Amino acid sequence: MAGPVQALEDRAVACADRLRSAERVLLASHIDADGLTSAGIAATALERAGIEFEVVFKKQLDDHEIATIAARDEETVLFTDFGSGQLDAIADHEAAGDFTPVIADHHQPAEADTEYHLNPLLEGLDGASELSGAGASYVLARALEGEGVDNRDLARLAVVGAVGDMQAVGGELVGTNRALVAEGVEAGVLEEGTDLAFYGKQTRPLPKLLEYASEVRIPGISNDQNGAIRFLDGLGLDLKRDGEWRRWVDLDHEERQTVASSLVQRALKKGVPADKVDGLVGTTYTLLAEPEGTELRDASEFSTLLNATARYERADVGLAVCLGDRADGLERARKLLRNHRRNLSEGLQWVKETGVTREEHLQWFDAGEEIRETIVGIVAGMAVGVDGVDRDRPIVALARKNDEETKVSARGTGRLVAQGLDLSAVLGEASDAVGGGGGGHDVAAGATVPAGTEREFVELADELVGEQLG
């Protein structure tokens, strides 16, 4: 059966053939939602192909971590959701005979190359919006199919990874990702639909759904618990069961229509621009095998659950959920998610109270040790649009990683990217100039810089953003 992405077929087949020839494979993956789904897809495909493997996770693939992988004396190492940007170091180990790398990634490749390298950017496809790391792993998984094996059910994880990697443009997956969605629908594991675009439709009580919605901010409802309750009380609907607020998933079609149309009317009345009001409705991706009303039913909520495991050093829990653990693994993941949400809420409150510093072209804050370095990027993204934070300029967030290093995360918007913003280039160049390193995507990127160089880094980044946006 032909693979889902014709442009990557030859690379996928070459990588799959190399993996089949290996006696054993070390699978190394990143720890965010895209990395976890990448690992889940690859692990399942390797198991179905009868290939012995072991999984390791790395928060960051630097020279030291690559050396620790080399020291394991493994013949073949499969890198998922990273590896391309670290090919200079990986190629050195390959040349030394330490291991043969196979890479399924979507980040900007380094200057060096290797024979078994599956990356959309190498074939002119956009790794920031058209194919994620999980998507690359899925293309590889399809190439690993043997007689009687159909890996199209793994398309559901590829979609979760893409959504978690912020690849939904205007709420919808585009480009090469469309082929993965189509295969998931054909396999009966995925449903694509149109619905309210708010996060939390499966699990949040209605007042919380509206209060916390950041997709479209409606004055008097968004970030206003009492306002959200007053709005719902005024609809003339029975939105409670046994005294408890129902969730969006609990409503029938007519009830949803009433709430949605009333939200549109309220938004327009409050002066929300028509183009932003259009964002109240968007594309949704539903995992049909998962129970209604759970985090796993919705691709966006699933990805958040996975992020919560990895950012608290429990990538093993996230992988277990990807591999189908709906007992202890899922319960541990939910506990981590509750903790994650509490930390995000506290982090966002800190930003609201402390504020951001505006440079000529960007805005930034340094959380020090107030916000965990593993979640400071998420907090930065959540902060965009709150009072005092400008939607029309990139935001850069810093947090203490250890005594010697500071973690940097940057977030932009699709509109800024359309104007020329490339945060991967900005953070890569600015961090390199101060003795650090970084990269990522045009709309979101990360870096590590030496402690004490933060101010210099911000000034360089501001200058580079100015050059990009003119």
Protein backbone atom coordinates (compact mmCIF):
# COMPACT_ATOMS: atom_id res chain seq x y z
CA MET A 1 0.00 0.00 0.00
CA ALA A 2 1.44 3.39 -1.02
CA GLY A 3 2.38 5.76 1.79
CA PRO A 4 0.43 8.91 2.64
CA VAL A 5 3.09 11.40 1.50
CA GLN A 6 4.47 10.61 -1.95
CA ALA A 7 7.28 13.16 -1.68
CA LEU A 8 8.68 11.30 1.36
CA GLU A 9 8.06 7.75 0.14
CA ASP A 10 11.61 6.94 -0.98
CA ARG A 11 13.10 8.27 2.25
CA ALA A 12 10.53 6.40 4.35
CA VAL A 13 11.17 3.11 2.56
CA ALA A 14 14.95 3.47 2.94
CA CYS A 15 14.58 4.16 6.69
CA ALA A 16 12.16 1.25 7.12
CA ASP A 17 14.48 -1.16 5.30
CA ARG A 18 17.39 -0.13 7.54
CA LEU A 19 15.31 -0.69 10.67
CA ARG A 20 14.20 -4.12 9.48
CA SER A 21 17.84 -5.13 9.00
CA ALA A 22 18.74 -4.19 12.58
CA GLU A 23 18.93 -6.82 15.29
CA ARG A 24 17.77 -4.22 17.79
CA VAL A 25 16.85 -0.53 17.76
CA LEU A 26 17.25 2.19 20.38
CA LEU A 27 14.33 4.59 19.95
CA ALA A 28 15.20 8.08 21.25
CA SER A 29 12.50 10.75 21.30
CA HIS A 30 11.68 14.23 22.52
CA ILE A 31 9.38 14.70 25.53
CA ASP A 32 6.61 17.07 24.41
CA ALA A 33 3.24 15.94 23.01
CA ASP A 34 4.68 15.67 19.50
CA GLY A 35 7.67 13.71 20.78
CA LEU A 36 5.55 11.34 22.87
CA THR A 37 3.15 10.60 20.01
CA SER A 38 6.16 10.18 17.71
CA ALA A 39 7.54 7.59 20.11
CA GLY A 40 4.14 5.92 20.50
CA ILE A 41 3.74 5.58 16.74
CA ALA A 42 7.31 4.36 16.19
CA ALA A 43 7.19 1.90 19.12
CA THR A 44 3.92 0.39 17.91
CA ALA A 45 5.22 0.08 14.33
CA LEU A 46 8.47 -1.52 15.47
CA GLU A 47 6.60 -4.01 17.64
CA ARG A 48 4.21 -4.94 14.82
CA ALA A 49 7.21 -5.40 12.52
CA GLY A 50 8.81 -7.76 15.02
CA ILE A 51 11.80 -5.50 15.62
CA GLU A 52 13.29 -5.54 19.12
CA PHE A 53 13.63 -2.04 20.60
CA GLU A 54 14.09 0.06 23.71
CA VAL A 55 12.83 3.62 24.29
CA VAL A 56 14.69 6.53 25.87
CA PHE A 57 13.50 10.14 26.18
CA LYS A 58 15.58 13.30 26.14
CA LYS A 59 14.41 16.77 27.13
CA GLN A 60 17.14 18.21 24.94
CA LEU A 61 19.39 16.48 22.41
CA ASP A 62 22.72 18.24 22.92
CA ASP A 63 26.25 16.95 22.42
CA HIS A 64 26.32 15.42 25.90
CA GLU A 65 23.06 13.52 25.44
CA ILE A 66 24.16 12.26 22.02
CA ALA A 67 27.38 11.04 23.63
CA THR A 68 25.40 9.16 26.29
CA ILE A 69 23.41 7.47 23.51
CA ALA A 70 26.64 6.55 21.72
CA ALA A 71 28.01 5.10 24.95
CA ARG A 72 25.16 2.56 25.04
CA ASP A 73 26.85 0.67 22.20
CA GLU A 74 23.68 0.29 20.14
CA GLU A 75 24.03 -0.56 16.46
CA THR A 76 20.98 1.41 15.28
CA VAL A 77 19.38 4.49 16.83
CA LEU A 78 16.02 5.82 15.65
CA PHE A 79 15.57 9.52 16.52
CA THR A 80 12.00 10.85 16.46
CA ASP A 81 10.98 14.52 16.74
CA PHE A 82 14.59 15.57 16.99
CA GLY A 83 17.91 14.65 15.39
CA SER A 84 17.83 16.78 12.25
CA GLY A 85 19.02 19.91 14.00
CA GLN A 86 21.74 17.95 15.79
CA LEU A 87 23.07 16.13 12.71
CA ASP A 88 26.53 17.72 12.98
CA ALA A 89 27.17 15.88 16.26
CA ILE A 90 25.24 12.76 15.23
CA ALA A 91 27.20 12.51 11.97
CA ASP A 92 30.48 12.62 13.91
CA HIS A 93 29.40 9.59 15.96
CA GLU A 94 28.21 7.82 12.82
CA ALA A 95 31.60 8.42 11.17
CA ALA A 96 33.30 7.03 14.27
CA GLY A 97 31.24 3.85 13.97
CA ASP A 98 29.34 4.42 17.22
CA PHE A 99 25.89 3.81 15.70
CA THR A 100 23.85 4.13 12.51
CA PRO A 101 21.26 6.90 12.86
CA VAL A 102 17.75 6.78 11.40
CA ILE A 103 15.96 10.12 11.77
CA ALA A 104 12.23 10.95 11.54
CA ASP A 105 11.99 14.65 12.35
CA HIS A 106 10.56 17.94 11.12
CA HIS A 107 12.93 20.54 12.56
CA GLN A 108 15.44 22.55 10.54
CA PRO A 109 18.33 20.24 9.57
CA ALA A 110 21.94 21.08 10.36
CA GLU A 111 24.55 21.30 7.60
CA ALA A 112 25.55 17.64 7.87
CA ASP A 113 23.41 14.85 6.46
CA THR A 114 22.99 11.12 6.83
CA GLU A 115 21.66 8.35 4.62
CA TYR A 116 18.51 7.50 6.57
CA HIS A 117 16.87 10.89 7.09
CA LEU A 118 13.11 11.43 6.86
CA ASN A 119 12.24 15.13 7.16
CA PRO A 120 9.60 17.12 5.23
CA LEU A 121 11.94 20.11 4.91
CA LEU A 122 14.29 18.03 2.75
CA GLU A 123 11.52 17.73 0.16
CA GLY A 124 10.22 21.29 0.23
CA LEU A 125 7.41 20.68 2.74
CA ASP A 126 6.86 22.97 5.73
CA GLY A 127 7.87 21.27 8.98
CA ALA A 128 6.15 23.96 11.05
CA SER A 129 2.66 23.62 9.57
CA GLU A 130 2.46 20.67 7.17
CA LEU A 131 4.02 17.75 9.04
CA SER A 132 5.03 17.30 12.68
CA GLY A 133 7.46 14.86 14.25
CA ALA A 134 4.55 12.49 14.85
CA GLY A 135 3.62 12.92 11.19
CA ALA A 136 7.15 11.94 10.12
CA SER A 137 6.99 8.91 12.44
CA TYR A 138 3.64 7.98 10.93
CA VAL A 139 5.02 8.12 7.39
CA LEU A 140 7.81 5.82 8.58
CA ALA A 141 5.30 3.52 10.33
CA ARG A 142 3.35 3.11 7.08
CA ALA A 143 6.58 2.15 5.31
CA LEU A 144 7.25 -0.45 8.03
CA GLU A 145 4.03 -2.33 7.28
CA GLY A 146 4.45 -5.95 6.39
CA GLU A 147 2.04 -8.64 5.33
CA GLY A 148 -1.20 -8.40 7.31
CA VAL A 149 -0.13 -5.17 9.08
CA ASP A 150 -2.10 -1.92 8.67
CA ASN A 151 -0.71 1.02 10.64
CA ARG A 152 -3.31 3.55 9.53
CA ASP A 153 -4.91 3.41 12.99
CA LEU A 154 -1.80 5.30 14.19
CA ALA A 155 -2.94 8.34 12.21
CA ARG A 156 -4.93 9.34 15.30
CA LEU A 157 -1.68 9.81 17.26
CA ALA A 158 -0.13 11.70 14.35
CA VAL A 159 -3.03 14.15 14.48
CA VAL A 160 -2.69 14.54 18.26
CA GLY A 161 1.01 15.27 17.76
CA ALA A 162 0.35 17.84 15.03
CA VAL A 163 -2.29 19.61 17.12
CA GLY A 164 0.01 19.56 20.14
CA ASP A 165 2.77 21.06 18.01
CA MET A 166 0.49 24.01 17.16
CA GLN A 167 0.26 23.02 13.50
CA ALA A 168 -3.46 23.71 13.23
CA VAL A 169 -3.55 26.85 11.07
CA GLY A 170 -6.68 28.79 11.93
CA GLY A 171 -7.77 25.73 13.89
CA GLU A 172 -7.38 23.35 10.96
CA LEU A 173 -4.57 21.00 9.90
CA VAL A 174 -3.27 21.86 6.45
CA GLY A 175 -0.90 20.69 3.73
CA THR A 176 0.56 17.22 4.13
CA ASN A 177 -1.24 16.80 7.45
CA ARG A 178 -4.48 16.59 5.45
CA ALA A 179 -3.37 13.21 4.07
CA LEU A 180 -2.87 11.89 7.60
CA VAL A 181 -6.30 13.09 8.67
CA ALA A 182 -7.84 11.40 5.63
CA GLU A 183 -6.15 8.10 6.47
CA GLY A 184 -7.37 8.27 10.06
CA VAL A 185 -10.92 8.89 8.85
CA GLU A 186 -10.66 6.00 6.35
CA ALA A 187 -9.38 3.72 9.11
CA GLY A 188 -12.38 4.61 11.29
CA VAL A 189 -10.30 5.96 14.18
CA LEU A 190 -10.76 9.67 13.56
CA GLU A 191 -13.60 12.06 12.85
CA GLU A 192 -13.12 15.55 11.45
CA GLY A 193 -15.92 17.98 12.17
CA THR A 194 -16.93 21.61 12.72
CA ASP A 195 -17.78 22.76 16.23
CA LEU A 196 -17.17 25.44 18.84
CA ALA A 197 -13.43 26.16 18.73
CA PHE A 198 -12.97 26.39 22.51
CA TYR A 199 -10.57 24.09 24.33
CA GLY A 200 -12.13 21.70 26.86
CA LYS A 201 -15.39 20.69 25.18
CA GLN A 202 -15.04 17.13 26.48
CA THR A 203 -14.20 17.79 30.10
CA ARG A 204 -14.86 21.35 31.27
CA PRO A 205 -18.16 22.42 32.86
CA LEU A 206 -19.78 25.07 30.65
CA PRO A 207 -18.92 28.13 32.78
CA LYS A 208 -15.25 27.11 32.86
CA LEU A 209 -15.31 26.37 29.13
CA LEU A 210 -16.37 29.95 28.41
CA GLU A 211 -14.39 31.66 31.17
CA TYR A 212 -11.07 30.10 30.17
CA ALA A 213 -11.57 30.33 26.40
CA SER A 214 -8.63 32.21 24.91
CA GLU A 215 -9.34 31.49 21.24
CA VAL A 216 -11.74 34.46 20.98
CA ARG A 217 -11.97 36.85 23.91
CA ILE A 218 -15.50 38.10 24.58
CA PRO A 219 -15.77 41.00 27.06
CA GLY A 220 -17.97 40.09 30.02
CA ILE A 221 -17.47 36.34 29.49
CA SER A 222 -13.77 35.59 28.93
CA ASN A 223 -11.75 35.60 32.17
CA ASP A 224 -14.97 36.46 34.01
CA GLN A 225 -16.48 33.57 35.98
CA ASN A 226 -19.59 35.48 37.08
CA GLY A 227 -20.05 36.91 33.61
CA ALA A 228 -19.90 33.44 32.03
CA ILE A 229 -22.51 32.14 34.49
CA ARG A 230 -24.81 35.13 33.87
CA PHE A 231 -24.53 34.57 30.12
CA LEU A 232 -25.47 30.88 30.44
CA ASP A 233 -28.30 31.59 32.89
CA GLY A 234 -29.79 34.02 30.38
CA LEU A 235 -30.11 31.48 27.56
CA GLY A 236 -33.27 29.81 28.84
CA LEU A 237 -31.72 26.33 28.67
CA ASP A 238 -31.51 23.60 31.29
CA LEU A 239 -27.72 23.48 31.49
CA LYS A 240 -27.42 21.67 34.82
CA ARG A 241 -27.93 18.04 35.84
CA ASP A 242 -28.42 17.22 39.51
CA GLY A 243 -27.20 20.69 40.40
CA GLU A 244 -23.94 20.33 38.41
CA TRP A 245 -23.10 22.23 35.25
CA ARG A 246 -23.12 20.12 32.13
CA ARG A 247 -20.25 20.01 29.62
CA TRP A 248 -20.37 20.91 25.93
CA VAL A 249 -20.22 17.21 25.04
CA ASP A 250 -23.40 16.65 27.09
CA LEU A 251 -25.48 19.10 25.03
CA ASP A 252 -27.63 18.04 22.10
CA HIS A 253 -27.36 19.69 18.68
CA GLU A 254 -30.04 22.30 19.30
CA GLU A 255 -28.58 23.30 22.66
CA ARG A 256 -25.14 23.71 21.10
CA GLN A 257 -26.62 25.83 18.32
CA THR A 258 -28.31 28.10 20.86
CA VAL A 259 -25.15 28.61 22.91
CA ALA A 260 -22.95 29.16 19.86
CA SER A 261 -25.27 31.64 18.14
CA SER A 262 -25.70 33.55 21.40
CA LEU A 263 -21.92 33.74 21.80
CA VAL A 264 -21.63 35.16 18.27
CA GLN A 265 -24.31 37.77 19.01
CA ARG A 266 -22.69 38.75 22.31
CA ALA A 267 -19.25 39.01 20.70
CA LEU A 268 -20.51 41.25 17.90
CA LYS A 269 -22.46 43.39 20.37
CA LYS A 270 -19.31 43.85 22.46
CA GLY A 271 -17.35 45.03 19.44
CA VAL A 272 -15.31 41.92 18.68
CA PRO A 273 -14.22 42.24 15.00
CA ALA A 274 -16.14 40.01 12.59
CA ASP A 275 -13.01 38.15 11.45
CA LYS A 276 -12.26 37.22 15.05
CA VAL A 277 -15.88 36.16 15.65
CA ASP A 278 -15.44 33.69 12.79
CA GLY A 279 -12.86 32.00 15.01
CA LEU A 280 -15.58 30.90 17.46
CA VAL A 281 -16.22 27.93 15.19
CA GLY A 282 -13.43 25.70 13.93
CA THR A 283 -12.32 22.24 12.90
CA THR A 284 -12.27 19.50 15.53
CA TYR A 285 -10.55 16.12 15.53
CA THR A 286 -12.28 13.39 17.52
CA LEU A 287 -10.70 10.04 18.43
CA LEU A 288 -13.60 7.67 17.97
CA ALA A 289 -12.25 4.76 20.03
CA GLU A 290 -12.02 6.88 23.18
CA PRO A 291 -15.01 7.41 25.52
CA GLU A 292 -16.99 10.64 25.26
CA GLY A 293 -16.30 13.11 28.04
CA THR A 294 -12.64 12.12 28.47
CA GLU A 295 -9.45 14.02 27.67
CA LEU A 296 -8.53 11.37 25.10
CA ARG A 297 -11.59 11.92 22.91
CA ASP A 298 -10.42 15.33 21.63
CA ALA A 299 -7.04 15.75 19.91
CA SER A 300 -6.35 19.06 21.63
CA GLU A 301 -7.15 17.80 25.13
CA PHE A 302 -5.20 14.58 24.49
CA SER A 303 -2.12 16.61 23.53
CA THR A 304 -2.39 18.69 26.71
CA LEU A 305 -2.58 15.54 28.81
CA LEU A 306 0.62 14.29 27.17
CA ASN A 307 2.40 17.60 27.68
CA ALA A 308 1.54 17.41 31.36
CA THR A 309 3.36 14.09 31.74
CA ALA A 310 6.55 15.03 29.95
CA ARG A 311 7.03 18.43 31.54
CA TYR A 312 7.20 16.80 34.96
CA GLU A 313 9.81 14.19 34.00
CA ARG A 314 7.24 11.41 33.45
CA ALA A 315 7.49 10.82 29.72
CA ASP A 316 7.11 7.12 30.49
CA VAL A 317 3.53 7.81 31.64
CA GLY A 318 2.74 9.72 28.45
CA LEU A 319 4.12 6.91 26.31
CA ALA A 320 2.06 4.37 28.23
CA VAL A 321 -1.11 6.34 27.43
CA CYS A 322 -0.10 6.54 23.74
CA LEU A 323 0.39 2.76 23.77
CA GLY A 324 -3.11 2.18 25.16
CA ASP A 325 -2.78 2.11 28.95
CA ARG A 326 -6.22 3.23 30.16
CA ALA A 327 -5.77 2.07 33.75
CA ASP A 328 -2.84 3.08 35.98
CA GLY A 329 -1.06 5.03 33.23
CA LEU A 330 -4.10 7.17 32.43
CA GLU A 331 -4.83 7.84 36.12
CA ARG A 332 -1.22 8.95 36.70
CA ALA A 333 -1.44 11.17 33.62
CA ARG A 334 -4.62 12.79 34.93
CA LYS A 335 -2.98 13.50 38.26
CA LEU A 336 -0.05 15.12 36.48
CA LEU A 337 -2.49 17.14 34.36
CA ARG A 338 -4.24 18.52 37.45
CA ASN A 339 -0.86 19.61 38.81
CA HIS A 340 0.10 21.02 35.40
CA ARG A 341 -3.05 23.14 35.19
CA ARG A 342 -2.48 24.50 38.67
CA ASN A 343 1.09 25.48 37.77
CA LEU A 344 -0.03 27.09 34.50
CA SER A 345 -2.69 29.09 36.31
CA GLU A 346 -0.20 30.30 38.90
CA GLY A 347 2.34 31.10 36.19
CA LEU A 348 -0.18 33.11 34.18
CA GLN A 349 -1.23 34.99 37.31
CA TRP A 350 2.44 35.84 37.95
CA VAL A 351 2.77 37.29 34.44
CA LYS A 352 -0.44 39.30 34.86
CA GLU A 353 0.78 40.76 38.15
CA THR A 354 4.40 41.32 37.11
CA GLY A 355 3.81 42.39 33.52
CA VAL A 356 6.12 42.25 30.51
CA THR A 357 8.89 44.53 29.29
CA ARG A 358 8.43 45.96 25.81
CA GLU A 359 11.35 46.42 23.47
CA GLU A 360 11.03 48.04 20.06
CA HIS A 361 9.97 44.84 18.29
CA LEU A 362 9.25 42.21 20.96
CA GLN A 363 8.06 41.85 24.55
CA TRP A 364 9.58 39.67 27.24
CA PHE A 365 9.59 38.59 30.86
CA ASP A 366 12.11 36.81 33.06
CA ALA A 367 10.36 34.49 35.51
CA GLY A 368 13.56 33.40 37.21
CA GLU A 369 12.53 30.49 39.42
CA GLU A 370 8.87 31.56 39.69
CA ILE A 371 7.81 29.43 36.70
CA ARG A 372 9.24 26.01 35.79
CA GLU A 373 11.45 26.19 32.74
CA THR A 374 9.54 23.25 31.25
CA ILE A 375 6.27 25.22 31.12
CA VAL A 376 7.38 28.83 30.70
CA GLY A 377 6.76 28.66 26.94
CA ILE A 378 3.18 27.52 27.46
CA VAL A 379 2.60 30.33 29.95
CA ALA A 380 4.00 32.81 27.43
CA GLY A 381 1.55 31.59 24.81
CA MET A 382 -1.36 31.82 27.25
CA ALA A 383 -0.34 35.36 28.23
CA VAL A 384 -0.65 36.75 24.71
CA GLY A 385 -3.73 38.95 24.65
CA VAL A 386 -4.20 39.42 28.39
CA ASP A 387 -4.13 42.98 29.69
CA GLY A 388 -0.72 44.51 29.09
CA VAL A 389 0.49 41.84 26.64
CA ASP A 390 0.44 42.81 22.97
CA ARG A 391 -0.96 40.31 20.44
CA ASP A 392 0.91 42.07 17.63
CA ARG A 393 4.46 41.39 18.73
CA PRO A 394 6.35 38.19 19.65
CA ILE A 395 6.74 37.30 23.31
CA VAL A 396 9.97 35.92 24.75
CA ALA A 397 9.96 34.18 28.14
CA LEU A 398 12.96 33.32 30.30
CA ALA A 399 13.21 30.99 33.30
CA ARG A 400 16.07 29.63 35.33
CA LYS A 401 17.17 26.18 34.17
CA ASN A 402 20.05 25.78 36.62
CA ASP A 403 22.82 27.91 38.11
CA GLU A 404 24.65 28.09 34.80
CA GLU A 405 21.84 28.27 32.23
CA THR A 406 18.60 30.09 31.44
CA LYS A 407 15.83 28.58 29.33
CA VAL A 408 14.27 30.81 26.67
CA SER A 409 10.92 30.20 24.95
CA ALA A 410 9.38 32.42 22.28
CA ARG A 411 5.92 32.48 20.76
CA GLY A 412 4.54 34.32 17.75
CA THR A 413 1.30 34.25 15.78
CA GLY A 414 0.32 33.10 12.32
CA ARG A 415 -0.15 36.71 11.29
CA LEU A 416 3.38 37.64 12.37
CA VAL A 417 4.81 34.62 10.54
CA ALA A 418 2.96 35.74 7.40
CA GLN A 419 4.75 39.09 7.80
CA GLY A 420 8.15 37.37 7.88
CA LEU A 421 8.70 36.33 11.52
CA ASP A 422 10.91 33.26 11.99
CA LEU A 423 11.54 32.66 15.69
CA SER A 424 13.70 29.61 14.97
CA ALA A 425 16.19 31.83 13.15
CA VAL A 426 15.92 34.58 15.79
CA LEU A 427 16.56 32.32 18.77
CA GLY A 428 19.16 30.27 16.96
CA GLU A 429 21.26 33.28 15.95
CA ALA A 430 20.81 35.29 19.15
CA SER A 431 21.56 32.34 21.46
CA ASP A 432 24.59 31.31 19.41
CA ALA A 433 25.95 34.85 19.69
CA VAL A 434 25.94 34.69 23.50
CA GLY A 435 27.34 31.17 23.76
CA GLY A 436 24.11 29.19 23.88
CA GLY A 437 22.03 27.32 21.35
CA GLY A 438 18.46 27.03 20.14
CA GLY A 439 15.99 26.67 17.30
CA GLY A 440 12.53 25.27 16.61
CA HIS A 441 9.87 26.65 14.28
CA ASP A 442 8.92 30.02 12.82
CA VAL A 443 5.94 30.45 15.18
CA ALA A 444 7.48 28.89 18.31
CA ALA A 445 11.07 28.27 19.31
CA GLY A 446 13.31 27.64 22.30
CA ALA A 447 16.90 28.17 23.38
CA THR A 448 19.31 27.86 26.28
CA VAL A 449 21.68 30.72 27.10
CA PRO A 450 24.41 31.11 29.73
CA ALA A 451 23.29 32.76 32.95
CA GLY A 452 24.19 36.45 32.90
CA THR A 453 23.72 36.88 29.14
CA GLU A 454 19.94 37.32 29.23
CA ARG A 455 19.89 41.08 28.58
CA GLU A 456 22.34 40.80 25.70
CA PHE A 457 20.29 37.97 24.24
CA VAL A 458 17.04 39.96 24.39
CA GLU A 459 18.65 42.96 22.70
CA LEU A 460 19.98 40.77 19.88
CA ALA A 461 16.64 39.00 19.47
CA ASP A 462 14.81 42.34 19.33
CA GLU A 463 17.15 43.54 16.60
CA LEU A 464 16.68 40.35 14.57
CA VAL A 465 12.87 40.49 14.86
CA GLY A 466 13.02 44.09 13.67
CA GLU A 467 15.02 43.02 10.60
CA GLN A 468 12.49 40.28 9.80
CA LEU A 469 9.38 42.41 10.20
CA GLY A 470 10.87 45.47 8.60
